[in-house]
């Protein structure tokens, strides 16, 4: 690993479960009016790019699955490809079970001291949230480890995972247009990884959570609101 040069990579993930990395130097800055360039080949009209981030080749990346398992890979282990290619299927890289899919991807900070001060916030499709220390997920073996427990027969799944500090707020949004915002500190830090968490939002019939966003906390006067 010491022989791998430190280089900035653009990591792209598609809805169909394909992933790749492209050197950031491949893309050049364009002026206003530039038409851009192809970033990823997609399989038909049903696929789309769901995640794109820039990370160093030595950055660890956590992959959270619908089954509540977390896997870990360094960026340099991801398939190196051209902007025109589709990349490699995650099912061929990670030991996923049948029907299991990656639902959230979280690049970790390279600075270990900064990581110590951060928490990880989980959100599930059924409106559950949970907060853990980021250090709980630094050591992940090849076969993965439990990130979150779900009850047998439950249709719940991990929707989103994000790093946060105690100065942030959490915004949950549902498919039917409901949303809620609350401080990170409203959720206590859970000691274990096998707990289910607490309710983050009450859902109506047929509703489910579609997104979680971490916001910087800001105090506003009634007049400003």
C-alpha atoms as a PDB file:
ATOM      1  CA  UNK A   1       0.000   0.000   0.000  1.00  0.00           C
ATOM      2  CA  UNK A   2       2.931   2.367   0.632  1.00  0.00           C
ATOM      3  CA  UNK A   3       3.753   2.089  -3.078  1.00  0.00           C
ATOM      4  CA  UNK A   4       0.354   3.466  -4.112  1.00  0.00           C
ATOM      5  CA  UNK A   5       0.807   7.172  -4.984  1.00  0.00           C
ATOM      6  CA  UNK A   6      -1.536   9.622  -3.260  1.00  0.00           C
ATOM      7  CA  UNK A   7      -3.793  10.916  -6.009  1.00  0.00           C
ATOM      8  CA  UNK A   8      -7.227  12.556  -6.066  1.00  0.00           C
ATOM      9  CA  UNK A   9      -9.886  10.314  -7.621  1.00  0.00           C
ATOM     10  CA  UNK A  10     -13.461  10.913  -8.742  1.00  0.00           C
ATOM     11  CA  UNK A  11     -15.539   7.975  -7.480  1.00  0.00           C
ATOM     12  CA  UNK A  12     -18.832   7.402  -9.321  1.00  0.00           C
ATOM     13  CA  UNK A  13     -21.616   5.001  -8.284  1.00  0.00           C
ATOM     14  CA  UNK A  14     -24.716   4.172 -10.315  1.00  0.00           C
ATOM     15  CA  UNK A  15     -28.193   3.118  -9.167  1.00  0.00           C
ATOM     16  CA  UNK A  16     -27.614  -0.251 -10.802  1.00  0.00           C
ATOM     17  CA  UNK A  17     -24.695  -0.940  -8.445  1.00  0.00           C
ATOM     18  CA  UNK A  18     -21.710  -0.125 -10.662  1.00  0.00           C
ATOM     19  CA  UNK A  19     -18.697   1.715  -9.250  1.00  0.00           C
ATOM     20  CA  UNK A  20     -15.469   3.110 -10.667  1.00  0.00           C
ATOM     21  CA  UNK A  21     -12.754   5.674 -10.007  1.00  0.00           C
ATOM     22  CA  UNK A  22     -11.293   8.135 -12.506  1.00  0.00           C
ATOM     23  CA  UNK A  23      -8.271  10.396 -11.825  1.00  0.00           C
ATOM     24  CA  UNK A  24      -9.465  13.937 -11.101  1.00  0.00           C
ATOM     25  CA  UNK A  25      -6.799  15.227 -13.523  1.00  0.00           C
ATOM     26  CA  UNK A  26      -8.803  13.583 -16.350  1.00  0.00           C
ATOM     27  CA  UNK A  27     -11.393  16.338 -16.087  1.00  0.00           C
ATOM     28  CA  UNK A  28     -10.475  19.896 -17.061  1.00  0.00           C
ATOM     29  CA  UNK A  29     -12.190  23.099 -15.972  1.00  0.00           C
ATOM     30  CA  UNK A  30     -14.632  24.445 -18.552  1.00  0.00           C
ATOM     31  CA  UNK A  31     -15.928  27.948 -19.112  1.00  0.00           C
ATOM     32  CA  UNK A  32     -19.590  28.908 -18.970  1.00  0.00           C
ATOM     33  CA  UNK A  33     -21.289  27.467 -22.030  1.00  0.00           C
ATOM     34  CA  UNK A  34     -19.060  24.387 -22.114  1.00  0.00           C
ATOM     35  CA  UNK A  35     -21.054  21.241 -22.884  1.00  0.00           C
ATOM     36  CA  UNK A  36     -19.158  19.022 -20.393  1.00  0.00           C
ATOM     37  CA  UNK A  37     -18.118  15.456 -21.065  1.00  0.00           C
ATOM     38  CA  UNK A  38     -19.391  11.950 -20.432  1.00  0.00           C
ATOM     39  CA  UNK A  39     -18.829  10.911 -16.816  1.00  0.00           C
ATOM     40  CA  UNK A  40     -20.157   7.341 -16.854  1.00  0.00           C
ATOM     41  CA  UNK A  41     -21.692   4.893 -19.289  1.00  0.00           C
ATOM     42  CA  UNK A  42     -25.108   3.712 -18.078  1.00  0.00           C
ATOM     43  CA  UNK A  43     -27.042   0.525 -18.763  1.00  0.00           C
ATOM     44  CA  UNK A  44     -30.182   1.649 -20.554  1.00  0.00           C
ATOM     45  CA  UNK A  45     -32.597   4.381 -19.452  1.00  0.00           C
ATOM     46  CA  UNK A  46     -33.359   2.724 -16.096  1.00  0.00           C
ATOM     47  CA  UNK A  47     -29.896   3.392 -14.599  1.00  0.00           C
ATOM     48  CA  UNK A  48     -28.612   6.701 -13.233  1.00  0.00           C
ATOM     49  CA  UNK A  49     -25.655   8.094 -11.297  1.00  0.00           C
ATOM     50  CA  UNK A  50     -26.582   8.227  -7.602  1.00  0.00           C
ATOM     51  CA  UNK A  51     -23.308   9.204  -5.930  1.00  0.00           C
ATOM     52  CA  UNK A  52     -20.193  11.100  -6.955  1.00  0.00           C
ATOM     53  CA  UNK A  53     -17.402  12.269  -4.667  1.00  0.00           C
ATOM     54  CA  UNK A  54     -13.704  13.129  -4.826  1.00  0.00           C
ATOM     55  CA  UNK A  55     -11.362  11.207  -2.505  1.00  0.00           C
ATOM     56  CA  UNK A  56      -7.688  10.352  -2.154  1.00  0.00           C
ATOM     57  CA  UNK A  57      -6.468   6.905  -3.227  1.00  0.00           C
ATOM     58  CA  UNK A  58      -5.729   6.146   0.462  1.00  0.00           C
ATOM     59  CA  UNK A  59      -9.160   7.249   1.735  1.00  0.00           C
ATOM     60  CA  UNK A  60     -11.154   4.411   3.386  1.00  0.00           C
ATOM     61  CA  UNK A  61     -14.745   4.112   2.130  1.00  0.00           C
ATOM     62  CA  UNK A  62     -17.570   2.435   4.071  1.00  0.00           C
ATOM     63  CA  UNK A  63     -20.307   0.604   2.139  1.00  0.00           C
ATOM     64  CA  UNK A  64     -23.582   0.104   4.043  1.00  0.00           C
ATOM     65  CA  UNK A  65     -25.972  -2.553   2.777  1.00  0.00           C
ATOM     66  CA  UNK A  66     -29.757  -2.925   2.973  1.00  0.00           C
ATOM     67  CA  UNK A  67     -29.181  -5.898   5.307  1.00  0.00           C
ATOM     68  CA  UNK A  68     -27.492  -3.660   7.892  1.00  0.00           C
ATOM     69  CA  UNK A  69     -23.922  -4.805   7.183  1.00  0.00           C
ATOM     70  CA  UNK A  70     -20.990  -2.440   6.629  1.00  0.00           C
ATOM     71  CA  UNK A  71     -18.047  -3.224   4.326  1.00  0.00           C
ATOM     72  CA  UNK A  72     -14.817  -1.256   3.921  1.00  0.00           C
ATOM     73  CA  UNK A  73     -12.442  -0.688   0.995  1.00  0.00           C
ATOM     74  CA  UNK A  74      -9.686   1.804   0.240  1.00  0.00           C
ATOM     75  CA  UNK A  75     -10.247   3.986  -2.843  1.00  0.00           C
ATOM     76  CA  UNK A  76      -7.203   2.496  -4.620  1.00  0.00           C
ATOM     77  CA  UNK A  77      -8.905  -0.930  -4.496  1.00  0.00           C
ATOM     78  CA  UNK A  78     -11.860   0.360  -6.522  1.00  0.00           C
ATOM     79  CA  UNK A  79     -11.724  -0.335 -10.285  1.00  0.00           C
ATOM     80  CA  UNK A  80      -9.779   2.292 -12.236  1.00  0.00           C
ATOM     81  CA  UNK A  81     -11.666   3.182 -15.422  1.00  0.00           C
ATOM     82  CA  UNK A  82     -12.160   5.811 -18.110  1.00  0.00           C
ATOM     83  CA  UNK A  83     -14.981   8.396 -18.039  1.00  0.00           C
ATOM     84  CA  UNK A  84     -16.735   6.502 -20.847  1.00  0.00           C
ATOM     85  CA  UNK A  85     -16.860   3.131 -19.038  1.00  0.00           C
ATOM     86  CA  UNK A  86     -19.494   1.754 -16.666  1.00  0.00           C
ATOM     87  CA  UNK A  87     -17.129   0.391 -14.031  1.00  0.00           C
ATOM     88  CA  UNK A  88     -17.531  -2.812 -12.055  1.00  0.00           C
ATOM     89  CA  UNK A  89     -20.562  -4.248 -10.255  1.00  0.00           C
ATOM     90  CA  UNK A  90     -20.380  -3.990  -6.466  1.00  0.00           C
ATOM     91  CA  UNK A  91     -21.731  -7.548  -6.161  1.00  0.00           C
ATOM     92  CA  UNK A  92     -18.473  -8.740  -7.753  1.00  0.00           C
ATOM     93  CA  UNK A  93     -16.343  -6.757  -5.286  1.00  0.00           C
ATOM     94  CA  UNK A  94     -18.084  -7.240  -1.936  1.00  0.00           C
ATOM     95  CA  UNK A  95     -19.378 -10.478  -0.352  1.00  0.00           C
ATOM     96  CA  UNK A  96     -23.044  -9.503  -0.713  1.00  0.00           C
ATOM     97  CA  UNK A  97     -25.812 -12.054  -0.166  1.00  0.00           C
ATOM     98  CA  UNK A  98     -28.613 -12.638  -2.668  1.00  0.00           C
ATOM     99  CA  UNK A  99     -30.975  -9.661  -2.668  1.00  0.00           C
ATOM    100  CA  UNK A 100     -28.582  -7.530  -0.598  1.00  0.00           C
ATOM    101  CA  UNK A 101     -27.662  -4.164  -2.114  1.00  0.00           C
ATOM    102  CA  UNK A 102     -25.477  -1.217  -1.132  1.00  0.00           C
ATOM    103  CA  UNK A 103     -27.742   1.650  -0.035  1.00  0.00           C
ATOM    104  CA  UNK A 104     -25.232   4.192   1.325  1.00  0.00           C
ATOM    105  CA  UNK A 105     -21.548   4.997   0.789  1.00  0.00           C
ATOM    106  CA  UNK A 106     -19.473   7.025   3.246  1.00  0.00           C
ATOM    107  CA  UNK A 107     -15.873   8.152   2.588  1.00  0.00           C
ATOM    108  CA  UNK A 108     -14.001   8.542   5.896  1.00  0.00           C
ATOM    109  CA  UNK A 109     -11.828  11.560   6.746  1.00  0.00           C
ATOM    110  CA  UNK A 110      -8.094  10.970   6.287  1.00  0.00           C
ATOM    111  CA  UNK A 111      -7.320  12.926   9.468  1.00  0.00           C
ATOM    112  CA  UNK A 112      -7.667  10.497  12.389  1.00  0.00           C
ATOM    113  CA  UNK A 113      -7.879  13.316  14.941  1.00  0.00           C
ATOM    114  CA  UNK A 114     -10.750  14.915  13.032  1.00  0.00           C
ATOM    115  CA  UNK A 115     -12.476  11.538  12.848  1.00  0.00           C
ATOM    116  CA  UNK A 116     -12.384  11.195  16.644  1.00  0.00           C
ATOM    117  CA  UNK A 117     -14.628  14.251  17.012  1.00  0.00           C
ATOM    118  CA  UNK A 118     -17.177  13.081  14.426  1.00  0.00           C
ATOM    119  CA  UNK A 119     -20.283  10.952  14.804  1.00  0.00           C
ATOM    120  CA  UNK A 120     -22.141   8.790  12.297  1.00  0.00           C
ATOM    121  CA  UNK A 121     -25.876   9.352  11.836  1.00  0.00           C
ATOM    122  CA  UNK A 122     -28.011   6.536  10.408  1.00  0.00           C
ATOM    123  CA  UNK A 123     -31.484   6.885   8.902  1.00  0.00           C
ATOM    124  CA  UNK A 124     -33.735   4.042   7.744  1.00  0.00           C
ATOM    125  CA  UNK A 125     -36.646   3.951   5.303  1.00  0.00           C
ATOM    126  CA  UNK A 126     -39.085   3.445   8.214  1.00  0.00           C
ATOM    127  CA  UNK A 127     -37.999   6.668   9.934  1.00  0.00           C
ATOM    128  CA  UNK A 128     -35.563   5.297  12.514  1.00  0.00           C
ATOM    129  CA  UNK A 129     -32.360   7.213  13.333  1.00  0.00           C
ATOM    130  CA  UNK A 130     -29.263   6.303  15.327  1.00  0.00           C
ATOM    131  CA  UNK A 131     -26.020   8.071  16.276  1.00  0.00           C
ATOM    132  CA  UNK A 132     -22.689   6.315  16.845  1.00  0.00           C
ATOM    133  CA  UNK A 133     -19.087   7.323  17.294  1.00  0.00           C
ATOM    134  CA  UNK A 134     -17.230   7.219  13.970  1.00  0.00           C
ATOM    135  CA  UNK A 135     -14.502   5.206  15.716  1.00  0.00           C
ATOM    136  CA  UNK A 136     -16.963   2.271  15.971  1.00  0.00           C
ATOM    137  CA  UNK A 137     -16.521   1.741  12.213  1.00  0.00           C
ATOM    138  CA  UNK A 138     -12.775   2.233  11.763  1.00  0.00           C
ATOM    139  CA  UNK A 139     -12.006  -1.493  12.084  1.00  0.00           C
ATOM    140  CA  UNK A 140     -14.034  -3.476   9.536  1.00  0.00           C
ATOM    141  CA  UNK A 141     -12.880  -6.912   8.367  1.00  0.00           C
ATOM    142  CA  UNK A 142     -13.112  -8.275   4.833  1.00  0.00           C
ATOM    143  CA  UNK A 143     -16.467 -10.005   5.372  1.00  0.00           C
ATOM    144  CA  UNK A 144     -18.042  -6.886   6.839  1.00  0.00           C
ATOM    145  CA  UNK A 145     -19.542  -6.285  10.271  1.00  0.00           C
ATOM    146  CA  UNK A 146     -23.003  -5.541  11.625  1.00  0.00           C
ATOM    147  CA  UNK A 147     -23.822  -1.835  11.326  1.00  0.00           C
ATOM    148  CA  UNK A 148     -27.498  -1.953  12.333  1.00  0.00           C
ATOM    149  CA  UNK A 149     -29.936  -4.653  13.479  1.00  0.00           C
ATOM    150  CA  UNK A 150     -33.350  -5.122  11.923  1.00  0.00           C
ATOM    151  CA  UNK A 151     -36.192  -7.247  13.257  1.00  0.00           C
ATOM    152  CA  UNK A 152     -36.844 -10.536  11.460  1.00  0.00           C
ATOM    153  CA  UNK A 153     -39.274 -10.052   8.597  1.00  0.00           C
ATOM    154  CA  UNK A 154     -38.937  -6.268   8.704  1.00  0.00           C
ATOM    155  CA  UNK A 155     -39.015  -4.356   5.412  1.00  0.00           C
ATOM    156  CA  UNK A 156     -36.794  -1.664   6.945  1.00  0.00           C
ATOM    157  CA  UNK A 157     -33.374  -0.903   5.439  1.00  0.00           C
ATOM    158  CA  UNK A 158     -30.544   1.584   5.869  1.00  0.00           C
ATOM    159  CA  UNK A 159     -31.378   4.592   3.707  1.00  0.00           C
ATOM    160  CA  UNK A 160     -28.560   7.020   4.427  1.00  0.00           C
ATOM    161  CA  UNK A 161     -25.420   7.329   6.554  1.00  0.00           C
ATOM    162  CA  UNK A 162     -23.555  10.600   7.104  1.00  0.00           C
ATOM    163  CA  UNK A 163     -20.893  12.051   9.383  1.00  0.00           C
ATOM    164  CA  UNK A 164     -21.963  14.860  11.705  1.00  0.00           C
ATOM    165  CA  UNK A 165     -20.878  16.872  14.725  1.00  0.00           C
ATOM    166  CA  UNK A 166     -22.882  17.984  17.752  1.00  0.00           C
ATOM    167  CA  UNK A 167     -23.220  21.442  16.162  1.00  0.00           C
ATOM    168  CA  UNK A 168     -25.312  20.094  13.265  1.00  0.00           C
ATOM    169  CA  UNK A 169     -29.000  19.448  12.584  1.00  0.00           C
ATOM    170  CA  UNK A 170     -30.673  16.457  10.902  1.00  0.00           C
ATOM    171  CA  UNK A 171     -33.299  16.891   8.177  1.00  0.00           C
ATOM    172  CA  UNK A 172     -35.482  13.901   7.273  1.00  0.00           C
ATOM    173  CA  UNK A 173     -37.798  14.025   4.240  1.00  0.00           C
ATOM    174  CA  UNK A 174     -40.509  11.531   3.279  1.00  0.00           C
ATOM    175  CA  UNK A 175     -41.940  10.461  -0.074  1.00  0.00           C
ATOM    176  CA  UNK A 176     -45.245  12.262   0.671  1.00  0.00           C
ATOM    177  CA  UNK A 177     -43.554  15.606   1.300  1.00  0.00           C
ATOM    178  CA  UNK A 178     -43.317  15.623   5.099  1.00  0.00           C
ATOM    179  CA  UNK A 179     -40.060  16.748   6.700  1.00  0.00           C
ATOM    180  CA  UNK A 180     -38.638  17.241  10.162  1.00  0.00           C
ATOM    181  CA  UNK A 181     -35.529  19.027  11.433  1.00  0.00           C
ATOM    182  CA  UNK A 182     -33.931  18.442  14.828  1.00  0.00           C
ATOM    183  CA  UNK A 183     -30.506  18.931  16.470  1.00  0.00           C
ATOM    184  CA  UNK A 184     -28.041  16.043  16.355  1.00  0.00           C
ATOM    185  CA  UNK A 185     -27.873  16.206  20.171  1.00  0.00           C
ATOM    186  CA  UNK A 186     -31.548  15.137  20.397  1.00  0.00           C
ATOM    187  CA  UNK A 187     -30.280  11.653  19.527  1.00  0.00           C
ATOM    188  CA  UNK A 188     -28.036  10.112  22.163  1.00  0.00           C
ATOM    189  CA  UNK A 189     -24.819   8.346  21.194  1.00  0.00           C
ATOM    190  CA  UNK A 190     -25.477   4.594  21.048  1.00  0.00           C
ATOM    191  CA  UNK A 191     -22.738   2.391  22.472  1.00  0.00           C
ATOM    192  CA  UNK A 192     -23.431  -0.670  20.317  1.00  0.00           C
ATOM    193  CA  UNK A 193     -23.773  -1.311  16.593  1.00  0.00           C
ATOM    194  CA  UNK A 194     -26.478  -3.943  16.949  1.00  0.00           C
ATOM    195  CA  UNK A 195     -29.244  -1.642  18.275  1.00  0.00           C
ATOM    196  CA  UNK A 196     -32.163  -0.506  16.119  1.00  0.00           C
ATOM    197  CA  UNK A 197     -32.092   3.183  17.111  1.00  0.00           C
ATOM    198  CA  UNK A 198     -35.005   5.489  17.920  1.00  0.00           C
ATOM    199  CA  UNK A 199     -37.874   7.031  15.971  1.00  0.00           C
ATOM    200  CA  UNK A 200     -36.795  10.080  13.973  1.00  0.00           C
ATOM    201  CA  UNK A 201     -40.126  10.813  12.264  1.00  0.00           C
ATOM    202  CA  UNK A 202     -43.645   9.397  12.539  1.00  0.00           C
ATOM    203  CA  UNK A 203     -44.819   8.123   9.159  1.00  0.00           C
ATOM    204  CA  UNK A 204     -48.307   8.148   7.703  1.00  0.00           C
ATOM    205  CA  UNK A 205     -49.870   5.153   5.951  1.00  0.00           C
ATOM    206  CA  UNK A 206     -47.853   4.124   2.891  1.00  0.00           C
ATOM    207  CA  UNK A 207     -45.160   6.742   3.512  1.00  0.00           C
ATOM    208  CA  UNK A 208     -41.396   6.191   3.818  1.00  0.00           C
ATOM    209  CA  UNK A 209     -38.268   8.278   4.285  1.00  0.00           C
ATOM    210  CA  UNK A 210     -36.438   9.154   1.050  1.00  0.00           C
ATOM    211  CA  UNK A 211     -33.576  11.349   2.264  1.00  0.00           C
ATOM    212  CA  UNK A 212     -31.497  12.472   5.219  1.00  0.00           C
ATOM    213  CA  UNK A 213     -29.407  15.647   5.110  1.00  0.00           C
ATOM    214  CA  UNK A 214     -26.987  17.001   7.715  1.00  0.00           C
ATOM    215  CA  UNK A 215     -27.303  20.792   8.057  1.00  0.00           C
ATOM    216  CA  UNK A 216     -25.166  23.323   9.897  1.00  0.00           C
ATOM    217  CA  UNK A 217     -27.150  24.532  12.920  1.00  0.00           C
ATOM    218  CA  UNK A 218     -28.233  28.189  12.754  1.00  0.00           C
ATOM    219  CA  UNK A 219     -30.280  30.158  15.276  1.00  0.00           C
ATOM    220  CA  UNK A 220     -32.923  32.378  13.654  1.00  0.00           C
ATOM    221  CA  UNK A 221     -35.203  34.996  15.169  1.00  0.00           C
ATOM    222  CA  UNK A 222     -38.963  34.781  14.552  1.00  0.00           C
ATOM    223  CA  UNK A 223     -38.638  37.787  12.217  1.00  0.00           C
ATOM    224  CA  UNK A 224     -35.960  36.052  10.138  1.00  0.00           C
ATOM    225  CA  UNK A 225     -38.061  32.919   9.902  1.00  0.00           C
END
